[in-house]
Amino acid sequence: MENIATDIELLYNKAEKYTKTSFELLQLNTIDKTSDVISSLAVVTSMVIIVAMFILFINIGISLLIGKLLNDYAMGFFLISGFYFIVALIVFVFRKTFIKIPIDNLIVSKLLKDKIIAENESNTNNI
């Protein structure tokens, strides 16, 4: 009877260690995935800011050039603003296609990267 109690206690201790180890592994995997997603979004955000600044100054230059050609600097800025208004309408209409779906795909691919790699390796080994 004492042997069964010892076995149960040993089994309980092993189950407790397994649970703690599994929880720690889950935490580490979550931290890894979160940091991967955040770092990717930080890079994309940085690039967007740099490109936006470049486009801003190019547009100011184009607006001034058009304004000089029309002898009315304000008209050059109005024409460029109108162009971007039309672009904004197009982006609004196709926002799911241009913005939502690519960002969703980026986040999901980052979160499932290890699983996709493991599946590809198992498929390669099966061939």
Protein backbone atom coordinates (compact mmCIF):
# COMPACT_ATOMS: atom_id res chain seq x y z
CA MET A 1 0.00 0.00 0.00
CA GLU A 2 2.86 2.32 0.83
CA ASN A 3 4.42 1.60 -2.57
CA ILE A 4 1.23 2.76 -4.35
CA ALA A 5 1.20 6.01 -2.33
CA THR A 6 4.82 6.66 -3.28
CA ASP A 7 4.07 5.98 -6.94
CA ILE A 8 1.08 8.33 -6.87
CA GLU A 9 3.14 11.03 -5.18
CA LEU A 10 5.92 10.57 -7.75
CA LEU A 11 3.37 10.73 -10.58
CA TYR A 12 1.86 13.87 -9.04
CA ASN A 13 5.29 15.54 -8.80
CA LYS A 14 6.11 14.68 -12.40
CA ALA A 15 2.73 16.00 -13.57
CA GLU A 16 3.30 19.21 -11.62
CA LYS A 17 6.78 19.68 -13.15
CA TYR A 18 5.39 18.94 -16.62
CA THR A 19 2.62 21.51 -16.14
CA LYS A 20 5.05 24.17 -14.95
CA THR A 21 7.44 23.45 -17.80
CA SER A 22 4.61 23.53 -20.36
CA PHE A 23 3.38 26.85 -18.97
CA GLU A 24 6.89 28.35 -19.09
CA LEU A 25 7.28 27.12 -22.67
CA LEU A 26 3.95 28.70 -23.59
CA GLN A 27 5.07 31.99 -22.02
CA LEU A 28 8.37 31.95 -23.90
CA ASN A 29 6.66 31.12 -27.20
CA THR A 30 4.17 33.94 -26.64
CA ILE A 31 6.97 36.40 -25.89
CA ASP A 32 8.86 35.25 -29.00
CA LYS A 33 5.85 35.64 -31.29
CA THR A 34 4.86 38.99 -29.79
CA SER A 35 8.35 40.41 -30.13
CA ASP A 36 8.56 39.17 -33.72
CA VAL A 37 5.26 40.85 -34.65
CA ILE A 38 6.12 44.09 -32.85
CA SER A 39 9.58 44.32 -34.39
CA SER A 40 8.16 43.70 -37.87
CA LEU A 41 5.52 46.37 -37.36
CA ALA A 42 8.18 48.77 -36.02
CA VAL A 43 10.24 48.32 -39.18
CA VAL A 44 7.18 48.84 -41.38
CA THR A 45 6.18 51.93 -39.36
CA SER A 46 9.68 53.39 -39.66
CA MET A 47 9.71 52.83 -43.40
CA VAL A 48 6.27 54.39 -43.75
CA ILE A 49 7.41 57.50 -41.87
CA ILE A 50 10.56 57.85 -44.00
CA VAL A 51 8.64 57.38 -47.25
CA ALA A 52 5.92 59.79 -46.06
CA MET A 53 8.52 62.49 -45.38
CA PHE A 54 10.08 61.90 -48.81
CA ILE A 55 6.69 62.10 -50.51
CA LEU A 56 5.79 65.22 -48.52
CA PHE A 57 8.82 67.15 -49.72
CA ILE A 58 8.47 65.89 -53.29
CA ASN A 59 4.84 67.04 -53.27
CA ILE A 60 5.77 70.46 -51.95
CA GLY A 61 8.29 70.75 -54.77
CA ILE A 62 5.78 69.62 -57.39
CA SER A 63 3.14 71.98 -56.00
CA LEU A 64 5.56 74.89 -56.21
CA LEU A 65 6.55 73.91 -59.75
CA ILE A 66 2.93 73.64 -60.92
CA GLY A 67 2.14 76.90 -59.14
CA LYS A 68 5.04 78.63 -60.90
CA LEU A 69 3.86 77.31 -64.28
CA LEU A 70 0.31 78.55 -63.57
CA ASN A 71 1.54 81.83 -62.03
CA ASP A 72 -0.51 80.95 -58.93
CA TYR A 73 1.25 78.97 -56.22
CA ALA A 74 -2.00 78.26 -54.39
CA MET A 75 -3.42 76.56 -57.48
CA GLY A 76 -0.44 74.17 -57.56
CA PHE A 77 -1.18 73.11 -53.97
CA PHE A 78 -4.90 72.77 -54.74
CA LEU A 79 -4.19 70.52 -57.72
CA ILE A 80 -1.89 68.25 -55.69
CA SER A 81 -4.44 68.20 -52.85
CA GLY A 82 -7.17 67.21 -55.32
CA PHE A 83 -4.99 64.39 -56.63
CA TYR A 84 -4.53 63.04 -53.11
CA PHE A 85 -8.22 63.39 -52.39
CA ILE A 86 -8.93 61.10 -55.35
CA VAL A 87 -6.24 58.67 -54.15
CA ALA A 88 -7.80 58.73 -50.64
CA LEU A 89 -11.22 57.87 -52.11
CA ILE A 90 -9.75 54.96 -54.05
CA VAL A 91 -7.91 53.66 -50.96
CA PHE A 92 -11.09 54.02 -48.90
CA VAL A 93 -13.08 52.00 -51.40
CA PHE A 94 -10.43 49.27 -51.59
CA ARG A 95 -9.24 49.50 -47.94
CA LYS A 96 -9.78 45.81 -47.24
CA THR A 97 -7.78 44.77 -50.29
CA PHE A 98 -4.95 47.30 -49.86
CA ILE A 99 -4.63 47.55 -46.06
CA LYS A 100 -6.62 45.11 -43.93
CA ILE A 101 -5.90 41.81 -45.68
CA PRO A 102 -2.12 42.36 -46.13
CA ILE A 103 -1.71 43.40 -42.47
CA ASP A 104 -3.81 40.44 -41.30
CA ASN A 105 -1.71 38.10 -43.44
CA LEU A 106 1.53 39.59 -42.09
CA ILE A 107 0.49 39.13 -38.47
CA VAL A 108 -0.86 35.60 -39.01
CA SER A 109 2.26 34.54 -40.93
CA LYS A 110 4.48 35.88 -38.15
CA LEU A 111 2.44 34.12 -35.48
CA LEU A 112 2.33 30.81 -37.36
CA LYS A 113 5.87 30.97 -38.79
CA ASP A 114 7.21 28.05 -36.74
CA LYS A 115 4.17 25.90 -37.50
CA ILE A 116 4.44 26.56 -41.24
CA ILE A 117 8.17 25.73 -41.19
CA ALA A 118 7.51 22.49 -39.29
CA GLU A 119 4.76 21.50 -41.74
CA ASN A 120 7.02 22.21 -44.73
CA GLU A 121 9.80 20.12 -43.22
CA SER A 122 7.45 17.22 -42.51
CA ASN A 123 6.05 17.42 -46.05
CA THR A 124 9.59 17.38 -47.45
CA ASN A 125 10.50 14.37 -45.34
CA ASN A 126 7.39 12.49 -46.48
CA ILE A 127 8.25 12.88 -50.17
